[in-house]
C-alpha cells in the first residue's frame, strides 16, 4: 500500500478513489478465494489429499 500511495498522488488526485476501489475489490477477491479454498478442505478432505 505504501508503494501505491506515491503513484496515486504523482499520477493525479482524481484517480486515488478509483485505485482505492480497485484495491478493495482485489482484497475482497483474495479473502473470498482464501475462504473458498478453506471451505472445500473442511467439507471434503479427500480433494485436498488428492492434490
Protein backbone atom coordinates (compact mmCIF):
# COMPACT_ATOMS: atom_id res chain seq x y z
CA UNK A 1 0.00 0.00 0.00
CA UNK A 2 2.84 2.50 0.73
CA UNK A 3 4.08 1.99 -2.83
CA UNK A 4 0.65 2.73 -4.33
CA UNK A 5 0.21 5.95 -2.32
CA UNK A 6 3.01 7.94 -4.07
CA UNK A 7 1.90 6.71 -7.51
CA UNK A 8 -1.66 7.93 -6.85
CA UNK A 9 -0.51 11.39 -5.71
CA UNK A 10 2.01 11.78 -8.54
CA UNK A 11 -0.41 10.47 -11.17
CA UNK A 12 -3.50 12.52 -10.27
CA UNK A 13 -5.69 13.07 -7.18
CA UNK A 14 -8.86 12.19 -9.09
CA UNK A 15 -7.58 8.65 -9.68
CA UNK A 16 -6.96 7.93 -6.00
CA UNK A 17 -10.60 6.87 -5.26
CA UNK A 18 -10.64 4.61 -8.31
CA UNK A 19 -7.42 2.90 -7.20
CA UNK A 20 -8.79 2.55 -3.67
CA UNK A 21 -11.90 0.84 -5.04
CA UNK A 22 -9.74 -1.48 -7.15
CA UNK A 23 -7.59 -2.33 -4.11
CA UNK A 24 -10.74 -3.05 -2.09
CA UNK A 25 -12.06 -5.32 -4.85
CA UNK A 26 -8.72 -7.14 -5.01
CA UNK A 27 -8.68 -7.53 -1.21
CA UNK A 28 -12.25 -8.92 -1.24
CA UNK A 29 -11.30 -11.26 -4.09
CA UNK A 30 -8.26 -12.56 -2.20
CA UNK A 31 -10.26 -13.08 1.00
CA UNK A 32 -13.04 -14.76 -0.98
CA UNK A 33 -10.55 -17.07 -2.71
CA UNK A 34 -8.98 -17.97 0.64
CA UNK A 35 -12.40 -18.77 2.13
CA UNK A 36 -13.35 -20.76 -0.99
CA UNK A 37 -10.15 -22.84 -0.67
CA UNK A 38 -10.69 -23.38 3.06
CA UNK A 39 -14.33 -24.38 2.59
CA UNK A 40 -13.84 -27.49 0.38
CA UNK A 41 -10.99 -28.65 2.63
CA UNK A 42 -13.26 -28.78 5.69
CA UNK A 43 -16.22 -30.17 3.73
CA UNK A 44 -14.33 -32.85 1.79
CA UNK A 45 -10.69 -33.51 2.79
CA UNK A 46 -10.45 -36.12 0.01
CA UNK A 47 -9.98 -33.37 -2.60
CA UNK A 48 -7.14 -31.87 -0.55
CA UNK A 49 -5.45 -35.29 -0.24
CA UNK A 50 -5.66 -35.90 -3.99
CA UNK A 51 -3.89 -32.58 -4.64
